Protein backbone atom coordinates (compact mmCIF):
# COMPACT_ATOMS: atom_id res chain seq x y z
CA UNK A 1 21.17 -33.75 -13.80
CA UNK A 2 22.24 -33.20 -10.31
CA UNK A 3 23.29 -30.23 -11.43
CA UNK A 4 20.38 -28.76 -13.71
CA UNK A 5 18.47 -29.50 -10.10
CA UNK A 6 21.41 -27.27 -7.89
CA UNK A 7 21.18 -24.43 -10.63
CA UNK A 8 17.56 -24.52 -10.46
CA UNK A 9 17.72 -24.19 -6.53
CA UNK A 10 19.70 -21.73 -6.15
CA UNK A 11 17.37 -19.24 -8.52
CA UNK A 12 14.38 -20.64 -6.54
CA UNK A 13 15.99 -18.71 -3.37
CA UNK A 14 17.25 -16.00 -5.18
CA UNK A 15 13.45 -15.79 -6.74
CA UNK A 16 11.77 -15.95 -2.90
CA UNK A 17 14.43 -13.01 -1.60
CA UNK A 18 13.39 -10.69 -4.44
CA UNK A 19 9.42 -11.88 -3.35
CA UNK A 20 10.64 -10.96 -0.19
CA UNK A 21 12.25 -7.83 -0.99
CA UNK A 22 9.93 -6.79 -3.21
CA UNK A 23 6.63 -7.66 -0.72
CA UNK A 24 8.80 -5.77 2.21
CA UNK A 25 9.07 -2.59 0.37
CA UNK A 26 5.73 -2.14 -1.10
CA UNK A 27 4.96 -2.50 2.69
CA UNK A 28 6.93 0.47 3.45
CA UNK A 29 5.29 2.44 0.82
CA UNK A 30 2.26 1.92 1.31
CA UNK A 31 2.28 2.55 5.12
CA UNK A 32 4.36 5.44 4.24
CA UNK A 33 1.91 6.92 2.04
CA UNK A 34 -0.73 6.56 4.69
CA UNK A 35 0.90 8.20 7.02
CA UNK A 36 1.61 11.04 4.66
CA UNK A 37 -1.52 11.75 3.93
CA UNK A 38 -3.06 12.01 7.34
CA UNK A 39 -3.26 13.98 10.00
CA UNK A 40 -1.58 12.35 12.94
CA UNK A 41 -5.25 12.75 15.04
CA UNK A 42 -8.29 14.58 15.09
CA UNK A 43 -7.14 16.98 17.23
CA UNK A 44 -4.56 18.30 14.38
CA UNK A 45 -7.39 18.13 11.80
CA UNK A 46 -9.64 20.60 13.71
CA UNK A 47 -6.46 22.47 14.06
CA UNK A 48 -5.86 23.55 10.26
CA UNK A 49 -10.18 23.49 10.51
CA UNK A 50 -9.76 26.21 13.08
CA UNK A 51 -6.72 28.03 10.99
CA UNK A 52 -8.10 27.89 7.77
CA UNK A 53 -11.97 29.48 9.06
CA UNK A 54 -10.26 32.41 10.36
CA UNK A 55 -8.98 34.19 6.75
CA UNK A 56 -12.23 32.45 4.86
CA UNK A 57 -14.32 33.87 7.30
CA UNK A 58 -13.01 37.24 5.31
CA UNK A 59 -13.21 36.29 1.89
CA UNK A 60 -9.31 35.74 1.87
CA UNK A 61 -9.41 32.95 0.12
CA UNK A 62 -5.32 33.17 -0.95
CA UNK A 63 -4.67 33.86 2.31
CA UNK A 64 -6.02 30.37 3.24
CA UNK A 65 -4.42 29.09 0.11
CA UNK A 66 -0.82 29.94 1.75
CA UNK A 67 -2.29 27.85 4.66
CA UNK A 68 -2.46 24.85 2.63
CA UNK A 69 -0.10 25.47 -0.29
CA UNK A 70 3.07 22.92 0.41
CA UNK A 71 1.23 20.51 2.84
CA UNK A 72 0.45 17.02 1.01
CA UNK A 73 -1.97 15.75 3.44
CA UNK A 74 -5.15 14.70 1.66
CA UNK A 75 -7.28 17.08 3.75
CA UNK A 76 -4.63 19.97 2.72
CA UNK A 77 -4.20 19.48 -0.86
CA UNK A 78 -8.18 19.16 -1.11
CA UNK A 79 -8.71 22.36 0.74
CA UNK A 80 -6.51 23.96 -1.62
CA UNK A 81 -7.66 22.52 -4.67
CA UNK A 82 -11.57 23.31 -3.83
CA UNK A 83 -10.06 27.01 -2.95
CA UNK A 84 -8.36 26.82 -6.25
CA UNK A 85 -11.46 26.02 -8.22
CA UNK A 86 -14.16 27.86 -6.09
CA UNK A 87 -15.16 29.46 -9.30
CA UNK A 88 -17.12 26.90 -10.85
CA UNK A 89 -19.88 26.76 -8.19
CA UNK A 90 -19.69 24.45 -4.90
CA UNK A 91 -21.33 22.29 -6.03
CA UNK A 92 -19.19 20.75 -8.71
CA UNK A 93 -16.26 21.60 -6.11
CA UNK A 94 -17.30 19.27 -3.72
CA UNK A 95 -17.65 16.27 -6.94
CA UNK A 96 -14.54 17.01 -7.37
CA UNK A 97 -13.23 16.91 -4.56
CA UNK A 98 -14.53 14.03 -4.19
CA UNK A 99 -13.63 12.01 -6.71
CA UNK A 100 -9.87 13.52 -6.72
CA UNK A 101 -10.31 11.75 -2.93
CA UNK A 102 -10.88 8.83 -4.36
CA UNK A 103 -8.66 8.60 -7.37
CA UNK A 104 -5.21 9.87 -5.92
CA UNK A 105 -5.39 8.87 -2.20
CA UNK A 106 -7.44 5.57 -1.81
CA UNK A 107 -7.17 4.24 -5.50
CA UNK A 108 -3.57 4.65 -5.10
CA UNK A 109 -3.28 2.81 -2.35
CA UNK A 110 -5.19 0.53 -3.40
CA UNK A 111 -3.05 0.26 -6.73
CA UNK A 112 0.31 -0.37 -3.78
CA UNK A 113 -1.44 -2.79 -1.78
CA UNK A 114 -2.09 -4.83 -5.07
CA UNK A 115 1.32 -5.82 -5.45
CA UNK A 116 1.52 -7.27 -1.66
CA UNK A 117 -1.49 -9.31 -2.41
CA UNK A 118 0.39 -10.13 -5.48
CA UNK A 119 3.70 -11.24 -3.31
CA UNK A 120 1.30 -13.10 -1.10
CA UNK A 121 -0.21 -15.18 -3.59
CA UNK A 122 3.42 -15.89 -5.37
CA UNK A 123 5.68 -16.80 -2.57
CA UNK A 124 3.79 -19.94 -1.60
CA UNK A 125 3.21 -20.76 -4.96
CA UNK A 126 7.41 -20.34 -5.91
CA UNK A 127 7.78 -22.57 -2.59
CA UNK A 128 5.58 -25.36 -4.20
CA UNK A 129 7.79 -25.13 -7.19
CA UNK A 130 10.97 -25.54 -4.99
CA UNK A 131 9.17 -28.45 -3.62
CA UNK A 132 8.01 -30.22 -6.82
CA UNK A 133 11.87 -29.72 -8.01
CA UNK A 134 13.47 -30.87 -4.89
CA UNK A 135 10.68 -33.82 -4.95
CA UNK A 136 12.07 -34.58 -8.40
CA UNK A 137 15.73 -34.27 -7.75
CA UNK A 138 14.82 -37.41 -4.90
CA UNK A 139 12.77 -39.56 -7.66
CA UNK A 140 15.92 -38.92 -10.00
CA UNK A 141 18.37 -40.46 -8.39
CA UNK A 142 16.44 -43.38 -6.80
CA UNK A 143 15.03 -44.37 -10.06
CA UNK A 144 18.88 -44.47 -11.62
CA UNK A 145 19.52 -48.12 -11.37
CA UNK A 146 23.04 -47.47 -12.17
CA UNK A 147 24.03 -44.94 -9.88
CA UNK A 148 24.76 -45.32 -5.46
CA UNK A 149 21.60 -44.04 -3.25
CA UNK A 150 23.63 -41.50 -0.68
CA UNK A 151 21.11 -40.98 1.71
CA UNK A 152 22.32 -37.47 2.97
CA UNK A 153 21.92 -36.95 -0.48
CA UNK A 154 18.62 -38.12 -1.00
CA UNK A 155 18.25 -35.93 2.62
CA UNK A 156 19.47 -32.35 0.96
CA UNK A 157 17.02 -32.98 -1.70
CA UNK A 158 14.08 -33.32 0.71
CA UNK A 159 15.20 -31.24 3.19
CA UNK A 160 15.47 -28.25 0.44
CA UNK A 161 11.92 -29.21 -1.16
CA UNK A 162 10.83 -28.85 2.77
CA UNK A 163 12.68 -25.24 3.24
CA UNK A 164 11.36 -23.57 -0.45
CA UNK A 165 7.57 -24.58 1.14
CA UNK A 166 8.45 -23.17 4.44
CA UNK A 167 10.08 -19.84 3.13
CA UNK A 168 6.81 -19.12 0.69
CA UNK A 169 4.46 -19.52 3.85
CA UNK A 170 7.13 -17.26 5.70
CA UNK A 171 7.20 -14.51 3.61
CA UNK A 172 2.84 -14.77 2.90
CA UNK A 173 2.00 -14.90 6.37
CA UNK A 174 3.51 -11.03 8.07
CA UNK A 175 2.52 -9.91 4.39
CA UNK A 176 -1.01 -10.90 5.40
CA UNK A 177 -1.01 -9.96 8.53
CA UNK A 178 0.27 -6.73 7.69
CA UNK A 179 -2.31 -5.58 5.27
CA UNK A 180 -4.86 -6.29 7.60
CA UNK A 181 -3.54 -3.91 9.97
CA UNK A 182 -3.25 -1.59 7.10
CA UNK A 183 -6.00 -1.86 5.48
CA UNK A 184 -7.54 -0.98 9.37
CA UNK A 185 -5.42 2.23 9.21
CA UNK A 186 -6.40 2.66 5.85
CA UNK A 187 -9.82 2.92 6.58
CA UNK A 188 -9.11 5.31 9.64
CA UNK A 189 -7.74 7.55 7.37
CA UNK A 190 -10.47 7.32 5.47
CA UNK A 191 -13.10 7.93 8.03
CA UNK A 192 -10.72 10.89 9.16
CA UNK A 193 -10.52 12.64 5.84
CA UNK A 194 -13.58 11.88 4.97
CA UNK A 195 -15.19 13.92 8.75
CA UNK A 196 -12.35 16.71 7.87
CA UNK A 197 -13.79 17.07 4.16
CA UNK A 198 -16.74 17.76 4.96
CA UNK A 199 -16.14 20.29 7.87
CA UNK A 200 -14.26 22.19 5.30
CA UNK A 201 -16.85 21.91 2.63
CA UNK A 202 -19.48 23.30 5.53
CA UNK A 203 -16.97 26.27 6.07
CA UNK A 204 -16.01 27.51 2.05
CA UNK A 205 -19.95 26.95 1.34
CA UNK A 206 -20.28 29.76 4.06
CA UNK A 207 -17.17 31.74 2.59
CA UNK A 208 -19.29 30.81 -1.04
CA UNK A 209 -22.19 32.37 -0.18
CA UNK A 210 -20.91 35.43 2.11
CA UNK A 211 -18.43 36.64 -0.76
CA UNK A 212 -19.44 34.88 -4.19
CA UNK A 213 -17.11 35.66 -7.55
CA UNK A 214 -14.08 36.88 -5.36
């Protein structure tokens, strides 16, 4: 029976290591995704809008697309998509841009964050499972009438129970703080991108009026 609990203990440690690794990986991926999709500040976004306004004011849609092409930031990608779909009309383009921003950017980030929330919930539960197994091992030794109870081994089982609980909390607590911070960053990115897209759509609308069907 001792061997079974020992093996289960190693399994618990290994699973918790994998969970911690996966949680950290997901946080890094979400953070890098947010950084990839936004301008560093409003000033840089304004410079982009000024750059794209110049060709649009002349009806040079191809020149505007070249400015956006290859840029992975959300404002640039959505602007390029709006220009490429200008033939469907301004109203439909505006709705298309809003839908794509919600689906391709915000929902993608929410999906990635959902894995972090899963780790936050799972880590303490795995730790609690380890606690239960450690206490079961300790009581199994006490319940055996033919065995000589060694205090040091009993203490090891109790220590294992406490360590797994602590590990579960040590994994979950930093991730809670990370996700809280990332959610703030996502909201700021959403505000910045929404502002930039609204500014672009005003420029795009003027170009559409001046150069319809071009």
